[in-house]
Amino acid sequence: MKVFWTETAINHLSSIYNYISQNSPQYAQRIVERLTHRSEQIAKFPLSGRIVPEFETKQIREVIEGSYRLIYYIKPNQVDIIAVLHGSQQIK
């Protein structure tokens, strides 16, 4: 299955990197790599994530990576990464 990162998710990832890199560019890079690697695992096992409680829709799921929620939408031949949020953030 193919993974597509939405513009919103890319912006979230960039914001995460920019925030963390103020103190540690190396750690920021590791976090981004862990999150992108996790998206590759989602492509292999799209149903492995839990249904996002805020949406209660089978196609919208999430996996937790460290302190972050990687939220994705399952399509027939593709998984769209729609958001990357810190666990303390609310979905808007």
PDB file of N, CA and C in Angstrom:
ATOM      1  N   MET A   1       0.841  -1.167   0.000  1.00  0.00           N
ATOM      2  CA  MET A   1       0.000   0.000   0.000  1.00  0.00           C
ATOM      3  C   MET A   1       0.896   1.244   0.000  1.00  0.00           C
ATOM      4  N   LYS A   2       0.458   2.267  -0.697  1.00  0.00           N
ATOM      5  CA  LYS A   2       1.211   3.508  -0.817  1.00  0.00           C
ATOM      6  C   LYS A   2       0.883   4.452   0.342  1.00  0.00           C
ATOM      7  N   VAL A   3       1.885   5.248   0.766  1.00  0.00           N
ATOM      8  CA  VAL A   3       1.686   6.251   1.812  1.00  0.00           C
ATOM      9  C   VAL A   3       1.772   7.636   1.179  1.00  0.00           C
ATOM     10  N   PHE A   4       0.790   8.458   1.482  1.00  0.00           N
ATOM     11  CA  PHE A   4       0.782   9.839   1.006  1.00  0.00           C
ATOM     12  C   PHE A   4       0.716  10.758   2.214  1.00  0.00           C
ATOM     13  N   TRP A   5       1.643  11.706   2.298  1.00  0.00           N
ATOM     14  CA  TRP A   5       1.646  12.695   3.376  1.00  0.00           C
ATOM     15  C   TRP A   5       0.917  13.935   2.883  1.00  0.00           C
ATOM     16  N   THR A   6      -0.153  14.312   3.565  1.00  0.00           N
ATOM     17  CA  THR A   6      -0.886  15.522   3.190  1.00  0.00           C
ATOM     18  C   THR A   6      -0.038  16.748   3.534  1.00  0.00           C
ATOM     19  N   GLU A   7      -0.392  17.863   2.938  1.00  0.00           N
ATOM     20  CA  GLU A   7       0.320  19.109   3.213  1.00  0.00           C
ATOM     21  C   GLU A   7       0.227  19.465   4.697  1.00  0.00           C
ATOM     22  N   THR A   8      -0.920  19.244   5.289  1.00  0.00           N
ATOM     23  CA  THR A   8      -1.098  19.517   6.720  1.00  0.00           C
ATOM     24  C   THR A   8      -0.137  18.686   7.560  1.00  0.00           C
ATOM     25  N   ALA A   9      -0.042  17.395   7.259  1.00  0.00           N
ATOM     26  CA  ALA A   9       0.845  16.510   8.021  1.00  0.00           C
ATOM     27  C   ALA A   9       2.310  16.896   7.829  1.00  0.00           C
ATOM     28  N   ILE A  10       2.674  17.278   6.621  1.00  0.00           N
ATOM     29  CA  ILE A  10       4.046  17.727   6.361  1.00  0.00           C
ATOM     30  C   ILE A  10       4.346  18.990   7.171  1.00  0.00           C
ATOM     31  N   ASN A  11       3.383  19.896   7.218  1.00  0.00           N
ATOM     32  CA  ASN A  11       3.567  21.117   8.016  1.00  0.00           C
ATOM     33  C   ASN A  11       3.704  20.790   9.494  1.00  0.00           C
ATOM     34  N   HIS A  12       2.913  19.827   9.980  1.00  0.00           N
ATOM     35  CA  HIS A  12       3.038  19.407  11.383  1.00  0.00           C
ATOM     36  C   HIS A  12       4.435  18.863  11.648  1.00  0.00           C
ATOM     37  N   LEU A  13       4.906  18.002  10.762  1.00  0.00           N
ATOM     38  CA  LEU A  13       6.233  17.393  10.917  1.00  0.00           C
ATOM     39  C   LEU A  13       7.324  18.468  10.905  1.00  0.00           C
ATOM     40  N   SER A  14       7.182  19.430  10.021  1.00  0.00           N
ATOM     41  CA  SER A  14       8.144  20.527   9.941  1.00  0.00           C
ATOM     42  C   SER A  14       8.131  21.361  11.222  1.00  0.00           C
ATOM     43  N   SER A  15       6.954  21.623  11.752  1.00  0.00           N
ATOM     44  CA  SER A  15       6.838  22.387  13.004  1.00  0.00           C
ATOM     45  C   SER A  15       7.469  21.645  14.169  1.00  0.00           C
ATOM     46  N   ILE A  16       7.258  20.344  14.206  1.00  0.00           N
ATOM     47  CA  ILE A  16       7.865  19.513  15.259  1.00  0.00           C
ATOM     48  C   ILE A  16       9.381  19.606  15.167  1.00  0.00           C
ATOM     49  N   TYR A  17       9.903  19.450  13.955  1.00  0.00           N
ATOM     50  CA  TYR A  17      11.353  19.542  13.755  1.00  0.00           C
ATOM     51  C   TYR A  17      11.874  20.909  14.197  1.00  0.00           C
ATOM     52  N   ASN A  18      11.220  21.974  13.736  1.00  0.00           N
ATOM     53  CA  ASN A  18      11.686  23.328  14.058  1.00  0.00           C
ATOM     54  C   ASN A  18      11.675  23.591  15.556  1.00  0.00           C
ATOM     55  N   TYR A  19      10.667  23.116  16.239  1.00  0.00           N
ATOM     56  CA  TYR A  19      10.568  23.333  17.682  1.00  0.00           C
ATOM     57  C   TYR A  19      11.681  22.585  18.430  1.00  0.00           C
ATOM     58  N   ILE A  20      11.829  21.314  18.122  1.00  0.00           N
ATOM     59  CA  ILE A  20      12.828  20.500  18.833  1.00  0.00           C
ATOM     60  C   ILE A  20      14.245  20.932  18.477  1.00  0.00           C
ATOM     61  N   SER A  21      14.460  21.321  17.229  1.00  0.00           N
ATOM     62  CA  SER A  21      15.818  21.652  16.777  1.00  0.00           C
ATOM     63  C   SER A  21      16.372  22.920  17.422  1.00  0.00           C
ATOM     64  N   GLN A  22      15.513  23.710  18.051  1.00  0.00           N
ATOM     65  CA  GLN A  22      16.009  24.884  18.780  1.00  0.00           C
ATOM     66  C   GLN A  22      16.978  24.461  19.873  1.00  0.00           C
ATOM     67  N   ASN A  23      16.734  23.270  20.453  1.00  0.00           N
ATOM     68  CA  ASN A  23      17.613  22.760  21.504  1.00  0.00           C
ATOM     69  C   ASN A  23      18.542  21.656  21.024  1.00  0.00           C
ATOM     70  N   SER A  24      18.066  20.858  20.060  1.00  0.00           N
ATOM     71  CA  SER A  24      18.872  19.723  19.616  1.00  0.00           C
ATOM     72  C   SER A  24      18.503  19.320  18.194  1.00  0.00           C
ATOM     73  N   PRO A  25      19.232  19.810  17.207  1.00  0.00           N
ATOM     74  CA  PRO A  25      18.944  19.422  15.819  1.00  0.00           C
ATOM     75  C   PRO A  25      19.056  17.909  15.591  1.00  0.00           C
ATOM     76  N   GLN A  26      19.971  17.262  16.283  1.00  0.00           N
ATOM     77  CA  GLN A  26      20.144  15.818  16.122  1.00  0.00           C
ATOM     78  C   GLN A  26      18.920  15.058  16.626  1.00  0.00           C
ATOM     79  N   TYR A  27      18.422  15.456  17.787  1.00  0.00           N
ATOM     80  CA  TYR A  27      17.244  14.794  18.340  1.00  0.00           C
ATOM     81  C   TYR A  27      16.021  15.067  17.465  1.00  0.00           C
ATOM     82  N   ALA A  28      15.906  16.287  16.970  1.00  0.00           N
ATOM     83  CA  ALA A  28      14.796  16.635  16.080  1.00  0.00           C
ATOM     84  C   ALA A  28      14.807  15.738  14.844  1.00  0.00           C
ATOM     85  N   GLN A  29      15.987  15.519  14.279  1.00  0.00           N
ATOM     86  CA  GLN A  29      16.100  14.659  13.099  1.00  0.00           C
ATOM     87  C   GLN A  29      15.698  13.223  13.434  1.00  0.00           C
ATOM     88  N   ARG A  30      16.100  12.735  14.596  1.00  0.00           N
ATOM     89  CA  ARG A  30      15.716  11.374  14.995  1.00  0.00           C
ATOM     90  C   ARG A  30      14.214  11.227  15.158  1.00  0.00           C
ATOM     91  N   ILE A  31      13.564  12.225  15.724  1.00  0.00           N
ATOM     92  CA  ILE A  31      12.101  12.176  15.897  1.00  0.00           C
ATOM     93  C   ILE A  31      11.418  12.121  14.536  1.00  0.00           C
ATOM     94  N   VAL A  32      11.844  12.983  13.621  1.00  0.00           N
ATOM     95  CA  VAL A  32      11.256  12.996  12.277  1.00  0.00           C
ATOM     96  C   VAL A  32      11.473  11.648  11.588  1.00  0.00           C
ATOM     97  N   GLU A  33      12.657  11.085  11.725  1.00  0.00           N
ATOM     98  CA  GLU A  33      12.932   9.779  11.115  1.00  0.00           C
ATOM     99  C   GLU A  33      12.047   8.687  11.722  1.00  0.00           C
ATOM    100  N   ARG A  34      11.862   8.715  13.029  1.00  0.00           N
ATOM    101  CA  ARG A  34      11.002   7.713  13.681  1.00  0.00           C
ATOM    102  C   ARG A  34       9.564   7.828  13.187  1.00  0.00           C
ATOM    103  N   LEU A  35       9.073   9.050  13.040  1.00  0.00           N
ATOM    104  CA  LEU A  35       7.699   9.251  12.584  1.00  0.00           C
ATOM    105  C   LEU A  35       7.533   8.827  11.127  1.00  0.00           C
ATOM    106  N   THR A  36       8.481   9.154  10.279  1.00  0.00           N
ATOM    107  CA  THR A  36       8.363   8.752   8.874  1.00  0.00           C
ATOM    108  C   THR A  36       8.522   7.242   8.726  1.00  0.00           C
ATOM    109  N   HIS A  37       9.393   6.650   9.528  1.00  0.00           N
ATOM    110  CA  HIS A  37       9.541   5.186   9.496  1.00  0.00           C
ATOM    111  C   HIS A  37       8.244   4.515   9.938  1.00  0.00           C
ATOM    112  N   ARG A  38       7.613   5.084  10.930  1.00  0.00           N
ATOM    113  CA  ARG A  38       6.346   4.528  11.429  1.00  0.00           C
ATOM    114  C   ARG A  38       5.276   4.541  10.334  1.00  0.00           C
ATOM    115  N   SER A  39       5.295   5.575   9.484  1.00  0.00           N
ATOM    116  CA  SER A  39       4.326   5.642   8.385  1.00  0.00           C
ATOM    117  C   SER A  39       4.548   4.499   7.393  1.00  0.00           C
ATOM    118  N   GLU A  40       5.779   4.065   7.233  1.00  0.00           N
ATOM    119  CA  GLU A  40       6.063   2.919   6.361  1.00  0.00           C
ATOM    120  C   GLU A  40       5.478   1.639   6.952  1.00  0.00           C
ATOM    121  N   GLN A  41       5.514   1.511   8.267  1.00  0.00           N
ATOM    122  CA  GLN A  41       4.910   0.350   8.927  1.00  0.00           C
ATOM    123  C   GLN A  41       3.399   0.368   8.767  1.00  0.00           C
ATOM    124  N   ILE A  42       2.813   1.556   8.831  1.00  0.00           N
ATOM    125  CA  ILE A  42       1.365   1.690   8.638  1.00  0.00           C
ATOM    126  C   ILE A  42       0.966   1.195   7.254  1.00  0.00           C
ATOM    127  N   ALA A  43       1.792   1.489   6.269  1.00  0.00           N
ATOM    128  CA  ALA A  43       1.492   1.055   4.899  1.00  0.00           C
ATOM    129  C   ALA A  43       1.384  -0.467   4.818  1.00  0.00           C
ATOM    130  N   LYS A  44       2.197  -1.161   5.578  1.00  0.00           N
ATOM    131  CA  LYS A  44       2.169  -2.634   5.573  1.00  0.00           C
ATOM    132  C   LYS A  44       1.012  -3.191   6.384  1.00  0.00           C
ATOM    133  N   PHE A  45       0.653  -2.495   7.460  1.00  0.00           N
ATOM    134  CA  PHE A  45      -0.402  -2.972   8.361  1.00  0.00           C
ATOM    135  C   PHE A  45      -1.358  -1.830   8.695  1.00  0.00           C
ATOM    136  N   PRO A  46      -2.154  -1.375   7.734  1.00  0.00           N
ATOM    137  CA  PRO A  46      -2.988  -0.189   7.952  1.00  0.00           C
ATOM    138  C   PRO A  46      -4.039  -0.332   9.056  1.00  0.00           C
ATOM    139  N   LEU A  47      -4.485  -1.537   9.334  1.00  0.00           N
ATOM    140  CA  LEU A  47      -5.505  -1.718  10.375  1.00  0.00           C
ATOM    141  C   LEU A  47      -4.904  -1.875  11.768  1.00  0.00           C
ATOM    142  N   SER A  48      -3.583  -1.764  11.870  1.00  0.00           N
ATOM    143  CA  SER A  48      -2.926  -1.965  13.163  1.00  0.00           C
ATOM    144  C   SER A  48      -3.166  -0.810  14.133  1.00  0.00           C
ATOM    145  N   GLY A  49      -3.472   0.369  13.623  1.00  0.00           N
ATOM    146  CA  GLY A  49      -3.722   1.509  14.492  1.00  0.00           C
ATOM    147  C   GLY A  49      -5.129   1.459  15.066  1.00  0.00           C
ATOM    148  N   ARG A  50      -5.315   2.164  16.156  1.00  0.00           N
ATOM    149  CA  ARG A  50      -6.648   2.203  16.755  1.00  0.00           C
ATOM    150  C   ARG A  50      -7.502   3.262  16.053  1.00  0.00           C
ATOM    151  N   ILE A  51      -8.795   3.101  16.128  1.00  0.00           N
ATOM    152  CA  ILE A  51      -9.715   4.089  15.588  1.00  0.00           C
ATOM    153  C   ILE A  51      -9.584   5.359  16.434  1.00  0.00           C
ATOM    154  N   VAL A  52      -9.479   6.500  15.765  1.00  0.00           N
ATOM    155  CA  VAL A  52      -9.315   7.774  16.473  1.00  0.00           C
ATOM    156  C   VAL A  52     -10.614   8.091  17.216  1.00  0.00           C
ATOM    157  N   PRO A  53     -10.553   8.211  18.546  1.00  0.00           N
ATOM    158  CA  PRO A  53     -11.770   8.414  19.343  1.00  0.00           C
ATOM    159  C   PRO A  53     -12.570   9.656  18.944  1.00  0.00           C
ATOM    160  N   GLU A  54     -11.883  10.707  18.516  1.00  0.00           N
ATOM    161  CA  GLU A  54     -12.579  11.946  18.166  1.00  0.00           C
ATOM    162  C   GLU A  54     -13.444  11.804  16.908  1.00  0.00           C
ATOM    163  N   PHE A  55     -13.149  10.815  16.069  1.00  0.00           N
ATOM    164  CA  PHE A  55     -13.888  10.639  14.818  1.00  0.00           C
ATOM    165  C   PHE A  55     -14.774   9.399  14.798  1.00  0.00           C
ATOM    166  N   GLU A  56     -14.354   8.337  15.488  1.00  0.00           N
ATOM    167  CA  GLU A  56     -15.090   7.074  15.538  1.00  0.00           C
ATOM    168  C   GLU A  56     -15.470   6.569  14.145  1.00  0.00           C
ATOM    169  N   THR A  57     -14.516   6.631  13.224  1.00  0.00           N
ATOM    170  CA  THR A  57     -14.682   6.141  11.860  1.00  0.00           C
ATOM    171  C   THR A  57     -13.610   5.095  11.601  1.00  0.00           C
ATOM    172  N   LYS A  58     -13.985   3.950  11.053  1.00  0.00           N
ATOM    173  CA  LYS A  58     -13.042   2.858  10.837  1.00  0.00           C
ATOM    174  C   LYS A  58     -11.849   3.247   9.971  1.00  0.00           C
ATOM    175  N   GLN A  59     -12.063   4.175   9.045  1.00  0.00           N
ATOM    176  CA  GLN A  59     -10.991   4.542   8.122  1.00  0.00           C
ATOM    177  C   GLN A  59      -9.990   5.535   8.716  1.00  0.00           C
ATOM    178  N   ILE A  60     -10.342   6.213   9.791  1.00  0.00           N
ATOM    179  CA  ILE A  60      -9.423   7.174  10.410  1.00  0.00           C
ATOM    180  C   ILE A  60      -8.834   6.530  11.655  1.00  0.00           C
ATOM    181  N   ARG A  61      -7.535   6.293  11.597  1.00  0.00           N
ATOM    182  CA  ARG A  61      -6.848   5.574  12.673  1.00  0.00           C
ATOM    183  C   ARG A  61      -5.599   6.328  13.097  1.00  0.00           C
ATOM    184  N   GLU A  62      -5.006   5.852  14.182  1.00  0.00           N
ATOM    185  CA  GLU A  62      -3.785   6.476  14.667  1.00  0.00           C
ATOM    186  C   GLU A  62      -2.866   5.441  15.292  1.00  0.00           C
ATOM    187  N   VAL A  63      -1.584   5.760  15.232  1.00  0.00           N
ATOM    188  CA  VAL A  63      -0.582   5.023  15.986  1.00  0.00           C
ATOM    189  C   VAL A  63       0.171   6.047  16.826  1.00  0.00           C
ATOM    190  N   ILE A  64       0.679   5.584  17.927  1.00  0.00           N
ATOM    191  CA  ILE A  64       1.436   6.444  18.825  1.00  0.00           C
ATOM    192  C   ILE A  64       2.919   6.143  18.610  1.00  0.00           C
ATOM    193  N   GLU A  65       3.674   7.201  18.445  1.00  0.00           N
ATOM    194  CA  GLU A  65       5.129   7.076  18.332  1.00  0.00           C
ATOM    195  C   GLU A  65       5.731   8.074  19.302  1.00  0.00           C
ATOM    196  N   GLY A  66       6.246   7.562  20.416  1.00  0.00           N
ATOM    197  CA  GLY A  66       6.763   8.443  21.456  1.00  0.00           C
ATOM    198  C   GLY A  66       5.625   9.290  22.009  1.00  0.00           C
ATOM    199  N   SER A  67       5.784  10.599  21.934  1.00  0.00           N
ATOM    200  CA  SER A  67       4.767  11.530  22.433  1.00  0.00           C
ATOM    201  C   SER A  67       3.796  11.982  21.357  1.00  0.00           C
ATOM    202  N   TYR A  68       3.891  11.393  20.166  1.00  0.00           N
ATOM    203  CA  TYR A  68       3.132  11.894  19.024  1.00  0.00           C
ATOM    204  C   TYR A  68       2.078  10.909  18.523  1.00  0.00           C
ATOM    205  N   ARG A  69       1.002  11.482  18.023  1.00  0.00           N
ATOM    206  CA  ARG A  69      -0.081  10.719  17.396  1.00  0.00           C
ATOM    207  C   ARG A  69       0.062  10.896  15.887  1.00  0.00           C
ATOM    208  N   LEU A  70       0.228   9.815  15.188  1.00  0.00           N
ATOM    209  CA  LEU A  70       0.288   9.818  13.732  1.00  0.00           C
ATOM    210  C   LEU A  70      -1.092   9.379  13.250  1.00  0.00           C
ATOM    211  N   ILE A  71      -1.870  10.329  12.735  1.00  0.00           N
ATOM    212  CA  ILE A  71      -3.263  10.077  12.363  1.00  0.00           C
ATOM    213  C   ILE A  71      -3.348   9.892  10.857  1.00  0.00           C
ATOM    214  N   TYR A  72      -4.045   8.838  10.446  1.00  0.00           N
ATOM    215  CA  TYR A  72      -4.088   8.523   9.013  1.00  0.00           C
ATOM    216  C   TYR A  72      -5.471   8.053   8.582  1.00  0.00           C
ATOM    217  N   TYR A  73      -5.693   8.171   7.281  1.00  0.00           N
ATOM    218  CA  TYR A  73      -6.962   7.797   6.662  1.00  0.00           C
ATOM    219  C   TYR A  73      -6.691   6.665   5.679  1.00  0.00           C
ATOM    220  N   ILE A  74      -7.413   5.569   5.823  1.00  0.00           N
ATOM    221  CA  ILE A  74      -7.210   4.403   4.972  1.00  0.00           C
ATOM    222  C   ILE A  74      -8.121   4.497   3.750  1.00  0.00           C
ATOM    223  N   LYS A  75      -7.500   4.439   2.580  1.00  0.00           N
ATOM    224  CA  LYS A  75      -8.216   4.378   1.305  1.00  0.00           C
ATOM    225  C   LYS A  75      -7.962   2.988   0.712  1.00  0.00           C
ATOM    226  N   PRO A  76      -8.645   2.628  -0.364  1.00  0.00           N
ATOM    227  CA  PRO A  76      -8.474   1.278  -0.926  1.00  0.00           C
ATOM    228  C   PRO A  76      -7.023   0.918  -1.285  1.00  0.00           C
ATOM    229  N   ASN A  77      -6.281   1.842  -1.873  1.00  0.00           N
ATOM    230  CA  ASN A  77      -4.915   1.537  -2.303  1.00  0.00           C
ATOM    231  C   ASN A  77      -3.871   2.470  -1.715  1.00  0.00           C
ATOM    232  N   GLN A  78      -4.266   3.236  -0.729  1.00  0.00           N
ATOM    233  CA  GLN A  78      -3.380   4.269  -0.212  1.00  0.00           C
ATOM    234  C   GLN A  78      -3.736   4.600   1.231  1.00  0.00           C
ATOM    235  N   VAL A  79      -2.727   5.005   1.974  1.00  0.00           N
ATOM    236  CA  VAL A  79      -2.913   5.518   3.331  1.00  0.00           C
ATOM    237  C   VAL A  79      -2.476   6.977   3.314  1.00  0.00           C
ATOM    238  N   ASP A  80      -3.366   7.873   3.712  1.00  0.00           N
ATOM    239  CA  ASP A  80      -3.043   9.293   3.794  1.00  0.00           C
ATOM    240  C   ASP A  80      -2.708   9.657   5.225  1.00  0.00           C
ATOM    241  N   ILE A  81      -1.499  10.163   5.450  1.00  0.00           N
ATOM    242  CA  ILE A  81      -1.146  10.690   6.766  1.00  0.00           C
ATOM    243  C   ILE A  81      -1.769  12.078   6.824  1.00  0.00           C
ATOM    244  N   ILE A  82      -2.712  12.274   7.742  1.00  0.00           N
ATOM    245  CA  ILE A  82      -3.451  13.536   7.754  1.00  0.00           C
ATOM    246  C   ILE A  82      -3.018  14.471   8.884  1.00  0.00           C
ATOM    247  N   ALA A  83      -2.341  13.945   9.901  1.00  0.00           N
ATOM    248  CA  ALA A  83      -1.901  14.813  11.000  1.00  0.00           C
ATOM    249  C   ALA A  83      -0.831  14.123  11.828  1.00  0.00           C
ATOM    250  N   VAL A  84       0.048  14.926  12.389  1.00  0.00           N
ATOM    251  CA  VAL A  84       1.026  14.459  13.368  1.00  0.00           C
ATOM    252  C   VAL A  84       0.924  15.437  14.529  1.00  0.00           C
ATOM    253  N   LEU A  85       0.393  14.965  15.639  1.00  0.00           N
ATOM    254  CA  LEU A  85       0.124  15.841  16.778  1.00  0.00           C
ATOM    255  C   LEU A  85       0.812  15.334  18.029  1.00  0.00           C
ATOM    256  N   HIS A  86       1.231  16.266  18.850  1.00  0.00           N
ATOM    257  CA  HIS A  86       1.736  15.883  20.175  1.00  0.00           C
ATOM    258  C   HIS A  86       0.544  15.362  20.958  1.00  0.00           C
ATOM    259  N   GLY A  87       0.760  14.402  21.798  1.00  0.00           N
ATOM    260  CA  GLY A  87      -0.320  13.779  22.567  1.00  0.00           C
ATOM    261  C   GLY A  87      -1.120  14.755  23.397  1.00  0.00           C
ATOM    262  N   SER A  88      -0.528  15.886  23.761  1.00  0.00           N
ATOM    263  CA  SER A  88      -1.258  16.869  24.576  1.00  0.00           C
ATOM    264  C   SER A  88      -2.129  17.809  23.732  1.00  0.00           C
ATOM    265  N   GLN A  89      -1.971  17.770  22.403  1.00  0.00           N
ATOM    266  CA  GLN A  89      -2.760  18.646  21.532  1.00  0.00           C
ATOM    267  C   GLN A  89      -4.146  18.076  21.276  1.00  0.00           C
ATOM    268  N   GLN A  90      -5.095  18.984  21.104  1.00  0.00           N
ATOM    269  CA  GLN A  90      -6.453  18.607  20.738  1.00  0.00           C
ATOM    270  C   GLN A  90      -6.578  18.622  19.223  1.00  0.00           C
ATOM    271  N   ILE A  91      -7.414  17.743  18.689  1.00  0.00           N
ATOM    272  CA  ILE A  91      -7.714  17.786  17.259  1.00  0.00           C
ATOM    273  C   ILE A  91      -8.703  18.905  17.039  1.00  0.00           C
ATOM    274  N   LYS A  92      -8.405  19.761  16.076  1.00  0.00           N
ATOM    275  CA  LYS A  92      -9.277  20.911  15.814  1.00  0.00           C
ATOM    276  C   LYS A  92     -10.237  20.626  14.687  1.00  0.00           C
TER     277      LYS A  92
END
